[in-house]
Each structure stands twice: as structure tokens, then as C-alpha cells.
Amino acid sequence: MTRIVYEIVEHDGGWAYKLGDVYSETFASRSQAYEAAKAAAAEQQLAGRTEGIIYQDEEGEWHEEVVDGRDRPETDVSAGG
């Protein structure tokens, strides 16, 4: 099972959560960013529909596959430093 961790960080004059290199919107307080990250993490665990997807990889090649909507990642939120 895939595990993703949202990290709370200072960002753009406030606080945000990030996953990899992607930041959320900026929040006025660390606690607001933390609550938003908890909500995003909870949504990641909701099952969806099984559907076909098409995506381009880093080398520019296109791929088609069927993704099981029940295959959801394990999620967590790190309060950071």
C-alpha cells in the first residue's frame, strides 16, 4: 500500500501543507494548515470508481491503465519542525 504524508511548512508569509514539491494554499496559522491537511488526508482515503486513465510519464511516453477506485493510499500529517 502506498503511504503519503502531508507536511506542515512555513510558506509565502504564512503556513501551508505540502506533498512532495506541491504546496497548498497559504493559511494564516499553523493550526489552520494542519486542519486543512487532515481534511485532505481523509479525502485521499475515500474510495472512488474504477476507471481507465491516460497519463504521460517523465520521458514523455503516454500510458493507459485501469485504476481500482478502492486502492487508496495510507495517509498521515506531519506537523513539521
PDB file of N, CA and C in Angstrom:
ATOM      1  N   MET A   1       0.849  -1.179   0.000  1.00  0.00           N
ATOM      2  CA  MET A   1       0.000   0.000   0.000  1.00  0.00           C
ATOM      3  C   MET A   1       0.896   1.244   0.000  1.00  0.00           C
ATOM      4  N   THR A   2       0.503   2.212  -0.766  1.00  0.00           N
ATOM      5  CA  THR A   2       1.228   3.474  -0.831  1.00  0.00           C
ATOM      6  C   THR A   2       0.943   4.298   0.421  1.00  0.00           C
ATOM      7  N   ARG A   3       1.968   4.982   0.916  1.00  0.00           N
ATOM      8  CA  ARG A   3       1.810   5.853   2.090  1.00  0.00           C
ATOM      9  C   ARG A   3       2.226   7.257   1.689  1.00  0.00           C
ATOM     10  N   ILE A   4       1.352   8.224   1.938  1.00  0.00           N
ATOM     11  CA  ILE A   4       1.677   9.624   1.660  1.00  0.00           C
ATOM     12  C   ILE A   4       1.561  10.426   2.952  1.00  0.00           C
ATOM     13  N   VAL A   5       2.468  11.393   3.104  1.00  0.00           N
ATOM     14  CA  VAL A   5       2.498  12.208   4.315  1.00  0.00           C
ATOM     15  C   VAL A   5       2.463  13.677   3.908  1.00  0.00           C
ATOM     16  N   TYR A   6       1.458  14.381   4.363  1.00  0.00           N
ATOM     17  CA  TYR A   6       1.366  15.821   4.175  1.00  0.00           C
ATOM     18  C   TYR A   6       2.216  16.479   5.257  1.00  0.00           C
ATOM     19  N   GLU A   7       3.050  17.431   4.867  1.00  0.00           N
ATOM     20  CA  GLU A   7       3.940  18.098   5.812  1.00  0.00           C
ATOM     21  C   GLU A   7       3.510  19.555   5.988  1.00  0.00           C
ATOM     22  N   ILE A   8       3.456  20.025   7.230  1.00  0.00           N
ATOM     23  CA  ILE A   8       3.113  21.421   7.521  1.00  0.00           C
ATOM     24  C   ILE A   8       4.404  22.235   7.482  1.00  0.00           C
ATOM     25  N   VAL A   9       4.405  23.319   6.671  1.00  0.00           N
ATOM     26  CA  VAL A   9       5.615  24.128   6.479  1.00  0.00           C
ATOM     27  C   VAL A   9       5.257  25.611   6.421  1.00  0.00           C
ATOM     28  N   GLU A  10       6.241  26.453   6.741  1.00  0.00           N
ATOM     29  CA  GLU A  10       6.079  27.886   6.515  1.00  0.00           C
ATOM     30  C   GLU A  10       6.151  28.124   5.022  1.00  0.00           C
ATOM     31  N   HIS A  11       5.250  28.983   4.519  1.00  0.00           N
ATOM     32  CA  HIS A  11       5.209  29.193   3.071  1.00  0.00           C
ATOM     33  C   HIS A  11       4.537  30.522   2.741  1.00  0.00           C
ATOM     34  N   ASP A  12       5.204  31.323   1.941  1.00  0.00           N
ATOM     35  CA  ASP A  12       4.622  32.537   1.368  1.00  0.00           C
ATOM     36  C   ASP A  12       4.008  33.459   2.430  1.00  0.00           C
ATOM     37  N   GLY A  13       4.740  33.655   3.533  1.00  0.00           N
ATOM     38  CA  GLY A  13       4.274  34.550   4.584  1.00  0.00           C
ATOM     39  C   GLY A  13       3.262  33.957   5.536  1.00  0.00           C
ATOM     40  N   GLY A  14       3.030  32.668   5.467  1.00  0.00           N
ATOM     41  CA  GLY A  14       2.084  32.007   6.359  1.00  0.00           C
ATOM     42  C   GLY A  14       2.456  30.543   6.499  1.00  0.00           C
ATOM     43  N   TRP A  15       1.455  29.687   6.520  1.00  0.00           N
ATOM     44  CA  TRP A  15       1.641  28.249   6.681  1.00  0.00           C
ATOM     45  C   TRP A  15       0.904  27.512   5.584  1.00  0.00           C
ATOM     46  N   ALA A  16       1.428  26.374   5.186  1.00  0.00           N
ATOM     47  CA  ALA A  16       0.797  25.550   4.156  1.00  0.00           C
ATOM     48  C   ALA A  16       1.086  24.091   4.481  1.00  0.00           C
ATOM     49  N   TYR A  17       0.406  23.216   3.770  1.00  0.00           N
ATOM     50  CA  TYR A  17       0.811  21.817   3.801  1.00  0.00           C
ATOM     51  C   TYR A  17       1.324  21.486   2.422  1.00  0.00           C
ATOM     52  N   LYS A  18       2.226  20.530   2.363  1.00  0.00           N
ATOM     53  CA  LYS A  18       2.767  20.155   1.067  1.00  0.00           C
ATOM     54  C   LYS A  18       2.898  18.656   0.968  1.00  0.00           C
ATOM     55  N   LEU A  19       2.858  18.204  -0.255  1.00  0.00           N
ATOM     56  CA  LEU A  19       3.048  16.800  -0.573  1.00  0.00           C
ATOM     57  C   LEU A  19       4.052  16.766  -1.709  1.00  0.00           C
ATOM     58  N   GLY A  20       5.229  16.241  -1.426  1.00  0.00           N
ATOM     59  CA  GLY A  20       6.302  16.302  -2.418  1.00  0.00           C
ATOM     60  C   GLY A  20       6.713  17.748  -2.623  1.00  0.00           C
ATOM     61  N   ASP A  21       6.652  18.210  -3.863  1.00  0.00           N
ATOM     62  CA  ASP A  21       7.012  19.592  -4.183  1.00  0.00           C
ATOM     63  C   ASP A  21       5.800  20.491  -4.364  1.00  0.00           C
ATOM     64  N   VAL A  22       4.614  20.000  -4.033  1.00  0.00           N
ATOM     65  CA  VAL A  22       3.374  20.753  -4.272  1.00  0.00           C
ATOM     66  C   VAL A  22       2.847  21.316  -2.952  1.00  0.00           C
ATOM     67  N   TYR A  23       2.611  22.643  -2.946  1.00  0.00           N
ATOM     68  CA  TYR A  23       2.110  23.337  -1.759  1.00  0.00           C
ATOM     69  C   TYR A  23       0.611  23.594  -1.876  1.00  0.00           C
ATOM     70  N   SER A  24      -0.042  23.611  -0.743  1.00  0.00           N
ATOM     71  CA  SER A  24      -1.449  24.018  -0.676  1.00  0.00           C
ATOM     72  C   SER A  24      -1.518  25.538  -0.742  1.00  0.00           C
ATOM     73  N   GLU A  25      -2.708  26.044  -0.620  1.00  0.00           N
ATOM     74  CA  GLU A  25      -2.865  27.481  -0.417  1.00  0.00           C
ATOM     75  C   GLU A  25      -2.202  27.860   0.901  1.00  0.00           C
ATOM     76  N   THR A  26      -1.963  29.138   1.100  1.00  0.00           N
ATOM     77  CA  THR A  26      -1.336  29.610   2.333  1.00  0.00           C
ATOM     78  C   THR A  26      -2.413  29.919   3.366  1.00  0.00           C
ATOM     79  N   PHE A  27      -2.152  29.506   4.606  1.00  0.00           N
ATOM     80  CA  PHE A  27      -3.062  29.741   5.718  1.00  0.00           C
ATOM     81  C   PHE A  27      -2.414  30.699   6.709  1.00  0.00           C
ATOM     82  N   ALA A  28      -3.228  31.422   7.462  1.00  0.00           N
ATOM     83  CA  ALA A  28      -2.726  32.417   8.409  1.00  0.00           C
ATOM     84  C   ALA A  28      -2.020  31.785   9.598  1.00  0.00           C
ATOM     85  N   SER A  29      -2.418  30.575   9.981  1.00  0.00           N
ATOM     86  CA  SER A  29      -1.814  29.940  11.151  1.00  0.00           C
ATOM     87  C   SER A  29      -1.419  28.496  10.845  1.00  0.00           C
ATOM     88  N   ARG A  30      -0.506  28.015  11.643  1.00  0.00           N
ATOM     89  CA  ARG A  30      -0.059  26.628  11.533  1.00  0.00           C
ATOM     90  C   ARG A  30      -1.222  25.670  11.796  1.00  0.00           C
ATOM     91  N   SER A  31      -2.059  25.999  12.781  1.00  0.00           N
ATOM     92  CA  SER A  31      -3.179  25.112  13.110  1.00  0.00           C
ATOM     93  C   SER A  31      -4.200  25.041  11.974  1.00  0.00           C
ATOM     94  N   GLN A  32      -4.418  26.142  11.263  1.00  0.00           N
ATOM     95  CA  GLN A  32      -5.328  26.111  10.108  1.00  0.00           C
ATOM     96  C   GLN A  32      -4.763  25.219   9.006  1.00  0.00           C
ATOM     97  N   ALA A  33      -3.462  25.323   8.760  1.00  0.00           N
ATOM     98  CA  ALA A  33      -2.825  24.474   7.752  1.00  0.00           C
ATOM     99  C   ALA A  33      -2.907  23.002   8.158  1.00  0.00           C
ATOM    100  N   TYR A  34      -2.712  22.734   9.446  1.00  0.00           N
ATOM    101  CA  TYR A  34      -2.782  21.364   9.950  1.00  0.00           C
ATOM    102  C   TYR A  34      -4.189  20.784   9.766  1.00  0.00           C
ATOM    103  N   GLU A  35      -5.202  21.546  10.108  1.00  0.00           N
ATOM    104  CA  GLU A  35      -6.588  21.078   9.954  1.00  0.00           C
ATOM    105  C   GLU A  35      -6.925  20.838   8.481  1.00  0.00           C
ATOM    106  N   ALA A  36      -6.449  21.713   7.603  1.00  0.00           N
ATOM    107  CA  ALA A  36      -6.685  21.541   6.162  1.00  0.00           C
ATOM    108  C   ALA A  36      -5.969  20.288   5.653  1.00  0.00           C
ATOM    109  N   ALA A  37      -4.766  20.040   6.141  1.00  0.00           N
ATOM    110  CA  ALA A  37      -4.022  18.842   5.743  1.00  0.00           C
ATOM    111  C   ALA A  37      -4.732  17.578   6.231  1.00  0.00           C
ATOM    112  N   LYS A  38      -5.269  17.605   7.441  1.00  0.00           N
ATOM    113  CA  LYS A  38      -6.023  16.456   7.948  1.00  0.00           C
ATOM    114  C   LYS A  38      -7.239  16.176   7.063  1.00  0.00           C
ATOM    115  N   ALA A  39      -7.922  17.238   6.619  1.00  0.00           N
ATOM    116  CA  ALA A  39      -9.085  17.064   5.740  1.00  0.00           C
ATOM    117  C   ALA A  39      -8.657  16.482   4.390  1.00  0.00           C
ATOM    118  N   ALA A  40      -7.553  16.986   3.834  1.00  0.00           N
ATOM    119  CA  ALA A  40      -7.054  16.465   2.557  1.00  0.00           C
ATOM    120  C   ALA A  40      -6.646  14.999   2.694  1.00  0.00           C
ATOM    121  N   ALA A  41      -6.002  14.655   3.796  1.00  0.00           N
ATOM    122  CA  ALA A  41      -5.577  13.274   4.035  1.00  0.00           C
ATOM    123  C   ALA A  41      -6.788  12.349   4.140  1.00  0.00           C
ATOM    124  N   ALA A  42      -7.827  12.812   4.802  1.00  0.00           N
ATOM    125  CA  ALA A  42      -9.046  11.999   4.939  1.00  0.00           C
ATOM    126  C   ALA A  42      -9.710  11.781   3.585  1.00  0.00           C
ATOM    127  N   GLU A  43      -9.735  12.804   2.745  1.00  0.00           N
ATOM    128  CA  GLU A  43     -10.336  12.673   1.414  1.00  0.00           C
ATOM    129  C   GLU A  43      -9.573  11.687   0.549  1.00  0.00           C
ATOM    130  N   GLN A  44      -8.261  11.610   0.722  1.00  0.00           N
ATOM    131  CA  GLN A  44      -7.448  10.663  -0.052  1.00  0.00           C
ATOM    132  C   GLN A  44      -7.845   9.217   0.225  1.00  0.00           C
ATOM    133  N   GLN A  45      -8.430   8.962   1.371  1.00  0.00           N
ATOM    134  CA  GLN A  45      -8.766   7.593   1.738  1.00  0.00           C
ATOM    135  C   GLN A  45     -10.166   7.176   1.293  1.00  0.00           C
ATOM    136  N   LEU A  46     -10.930   8.099   0.704  1.00  0.00           N
ATOM    137  CA  LEU A  46     -12.267   7.765   0.235  1.00  0.00           C
ATOM    138  C   LEU A  46     -12.184   6.985  -1.069  1.00  0.00           C
ATOM    139  N   ALA A  47     -12.905   5.890  -1.126  1.00  0.00           N
ATOM    140  CA  ALA A  47     -12.916   5.082  -2.342  1.00  0.00           C
ATOM    141  C   ALA A  47     -13.613   5.831  -3.472  1.00  0.00           C
ATOM    142  N   GLY A  48     -13.151   5.574  -4.655  1.00  0.00           N
ATOM    143  CA  GLY A  48     -13.757   6.169  -5.846  1.00  0.00           C
ATOM    144  C   GLY A  48     -14.220   5.070  -6.782  1.00  0.00           C
ATOM    145  N   ARG A  49     -14.390   5.430  -8.043  1.00  0.00           N
ATOM    146  CA  ARG A  49     -14.814   4.456  -9.053  1.00  0.00           C
ATOM    147  C   ARG A  49     -13.586   3.876  -9.753  1.00  0.00           C
ATOM    148  N   THR A  50     -13.699   2.654 -10.189  1.00  0.00           N
ATOM    149  CA  THR A  50     -12.666   2.062 -11.018  1.00  0.00           C
ATOM    150  C   THR A  50     -12.825   2.652 -12.414  1.00  0.00           C
ATOM    151  N   GLU A  51     -11.733   3.234 -12.922  1.00  0.00           N
ATOM    152  CA  GLU A  51     -11.795   3.927 -14.210  1.00  0.00           C
ATOM    153  C   GLU A  51     -10.511   3.741 -14.983  1.00  0.00           C
ATOM    154  N   GLY A  52     -10.607   3.937 -16.276  1.00  0.00           N
ATOM    155  CA  GLY A  52      -9.435   3.949 -17.133  1.00  0.00           C
ATOM    156  C   GLY A  52      -8.807   5.337 -17.093  1.00  0.00           C
ATOM    157  N   ILE A  53      -7.484   5.395 -17.047  1.00  0.00           N
ATOM    158  CA  ILE A  53      -6.793   6.679 -17.058  1.00  0.00           C
ATOM    159  C   ILE A  53      -5.716   6.671 -18.136  1.00  0.00           C
ATOM    160  N   ILE A  54      -5.363   7.849 -18.593  1.00  0.00           N
ATOM    161  CA  ILE A  54      -4.278   8.044 -19.545  1.00  0.00           C
ATOM    162  C   ILE A  54      -3.354   9.085 -18.937  1.00  0.00           C
ATOM    163  N   TYR A  55      -2.050   8.805 -18.916  1.00  0.00           N
ATOM    164  CA  TYR A  55      -1.105   9.757 -18.348  1.00  0.00           C
ATOM    165  C   TYR A  55       0.217   9.716 -19.105  1.00  0.00           C
ATOM    166  N   GLN A  56       0.972  10.804 -18.978  1.00  0.00           N
ATOM    167  CA  GLN A  56       2.268  10.924 -19.624  1.00  0.00           C
ATOM    168  C   GLN A  56       3.360  10.822 -18.558  1.00  0.00           C
ATOM    169  N   ASP A  57       4.354   9.993 -18.802  1.00  0.00           N
ATOM    170  CA  ASP A  57       5.430   9.840 -17.820  1.00  0.00           C
ATOM    171  C   ASP A  57       6.518  10.901 -18.038  1.00  0.00           C
ATOM    172  N   GLU A  58       7.558  10.844 -17.205  1.00  0.00           N
ATOM    173  CA  GLU A  58       8.622  11.846 -17.253  1.00  0.00           C
ATOM    174  C   GLU A  58       9.388  11.844 -18.572  1.00  0.00           C
ATOM    175  N   GLU A  59       9.392  10.717 -19.274  1.00  0.00           N
ATOM    176  CA  GLU A  59      10.078  10.635 -20.567  1.00  0.00           C
ATOM    177  C   GLU A  59       9.183  11.054 -21.728  1.00  0.00           C
ATOM    178  N   GLY A  60       7.953  11.469 -21.433  1.00  0.00           N
ATOM    179  CA  GLY A  60       7.031  11.911 -22.478  1.00  0.00           C
ATOM    180  C   GLY A  60       6.212  10.805 -23.110  1.00  0.00           C
ATOM    181  N   GLU A  61       6.308   9.589 -22.588  1.00  0.00           N
ATOM    182  CA  GLU A  61       5.549   8.462 -23.130  1.00  0.00           C
ATOM    183  C   GLU A  61       4.161   8.416 -22.501  1.00  0.00           C
ATOM    184  N   TRP A  62       3.147   8.100 -23.315  1.00  0.00           N
ATOM    185  CA  TRP A  62       1.769   8.009 -22.832  1.00  0.00           C
ATOM    186  C   TRP A  62       1.445   6.578 -22.443  1.00  0.00           C
ATOM    187  N   HIS A  63       0.651   6.432 -21.376  1.00  0.00           N
ATOM    188  CA  HIS A  63       0.257   5.121 -20.861  1.00  0.00           C
ATOM    189  C   HIS A  63      -1.245   5.119 -20.597  1.00  0.00           C
ATOM    190  N   GLU A  64      -1.856   3.950 -20.774  1.00  0.00           N
ATOM    191  CA  GLU A  64      -3.268   3.752 -20.439  1.00  0.00           C
ATOM    192  C   GLU A  64      -3.341   2.600 -19.446  1.00  0.00           C
ATOM    193  N   GLU A  65      -4.161   2.768 -18.418  1.00  0.00           N
ATOM    194  CA  GLU A  65      -4.361   1.679 -17.472  1.00  0.00           C
ATOM    195  C   GLU A  65      -5.694   1.846 -16.753  1.00  0.00           C
ATOM    196  N   VAL A  66      -6.123   0.780 -16.134  1.00  0.00           N
ATOM    197  CA  VAL A  66      -7.341   0.797 -15.336  1.00  0.00           C
ATOM    198  C   VAL A  66      -6.926   0.900 -13.880  1.00  0.00           C
ATOM    199  N   VAL A  67      -7.520   1.844 -13.162  1.00  0.00           N
ATOM    200  CA  VAL A  67      -7.178   2.083 -11.767  1.00  0.00           C
ATOM    201  C   VAL A  67      -8.369   1.697 -10.889  1.00  0.00           C
ATOM    202  N   ASP A  68      -8.098   0.841  -9.917  1.00  0.00           N
ATOM    203  CA  ASP A  68      -9.122   0.386  -8.976  1.00  0.00           C
ATOM    204  C   ASP A  68      -9.434   1.509  -7.991  1.00  0.00           C
ATOM    205  N   GLY A  69     -10.655   1.993  -7.987  1.00  0.00           N
ATOM    206  CA  GLY A  69     -11.064   3.092  -7.118  1.00  0.00           C
ATOM    207  C   GLY A  69     -11.029   2.767  -5.638  1.00  0.00           C
ATOM    208  N   ARG A  70     -10.883   1.489  -5.312  1.00  0.00           N
ATOM    209  CA  ARG A  70     -10.798   1.091  -3.900  1.00  0.00           C
ATOM    210  C   ARG A  70      -9.360   1.068  -3.395  1.00  0.00           C
ATOM    211  N   ASP A  71      -8.387   1.189  -4.300  1.00  0.00           N
ATOM    212  CA  ASP A  71      -6.967   1.144  -3.941  1.00  0.00           C
ATOM    213  C   ASP A  71      -6.520   2.531  -3.490  1.00  0.00           C
ATOM    214  N   ARG A  72      -6.658   2.817  -2.220  1.00  0.00           N
ATOM    215  CA  ARG A  72      -6.387   4.141  -1.666  1.00  0.00           C
ATOM    216  C   ARG A  72      -5.110   4.117  -0.836  1.00  0.00           C
ATOM    217  N   PRO A  73      -4.389   5.226  -0.794  1.00  0.00           N
ATOM    218  CA  PRO A  73      -3.151   5.260  -0.010  1.00  0.00           C
ATOM    219  C   PRO A  73      -3.413   5.389   1.487  1.00  0.00           C
ATOM    220  N   GLU A  74      -2.429   4.997   2.254  1.00  0.00           N
ATOM    221  CA  GLU A  74      -2.428   5.281   3.683  1.00  0.00           C
ATOM    222  C   GLU A  74      -1.941   6.718   3.811  1.00  0.00           C
ATOM    223  N   THR A  75      -2.580   7.536   4.641  1.00  0.00           N
ATOM    224  CA  THR A  75      -2.202   8.943   4.739  1.00  0.00           C
ATOM    225  C   THR A  75      -1.873   9.343   6.169  1.00  0.00           C
ATOM    226  N   ASP A  76      -1.070  10.407   6.289  1.00  0.00           N
ATOM    227  CA  ASP A  76      -0.715  10.945   7.580  1.00  0.00           C
ATOM    228  C   ASP A  76      -0.356  12.412   7.412  1.00  0.00           C
ATOM    229  N   VAL A  77      -0.301  13.140   8.517  1.00  0.00           N
ATOM    230  CA  VAL A  77       0.087  14.550   8.520  1.00  0.00           C
ATOM    231  C   VAL A  77       1.238  14.715   9.502  1.00  0.00           C
ATOM    232  N   SER A  78       2.325  15.347   9.030  1.00  0.00           N
ATOM    233  CA  SER A  78       3.473  15.633   9.874  1.00  0.00           C
ATOM    234  C   SER A  78       3.443  17.108  10.241  1.00  0.00           C
ATOM    235  N   ALA A  79       3.493  17.397  11.533  1.00  0.00           N
ATOM    236  CA  ALA A  79       3.443  18.778  11.989  1.00  0.00           C
ATOM    237  C   ALA A  79       4.708  19.546  11.633  1.00  0.00           C
ATOM    238  N   GLY A  80       5.731  18.880  11.161  1.00  0.00           N
ATOM    239  CA  GLY A  80       6.957  19.559  10.761  1.00  0.00           C
ATOM    240  C   GLY A  80       7.741  20.063  11.957  1.00  0.00           C
ATOM    241  N   GLY A  81       8.708  20.947  11.653  1.00  0.00           N
ATOM    242  CA  GLY A  81       9.601  21.418  12.704  1.00  0.00           C
ATOM    243  C   GLY A  81       9.204  22.662  13.368  1.00  0.00           C
TER     244      GLY A  81
END
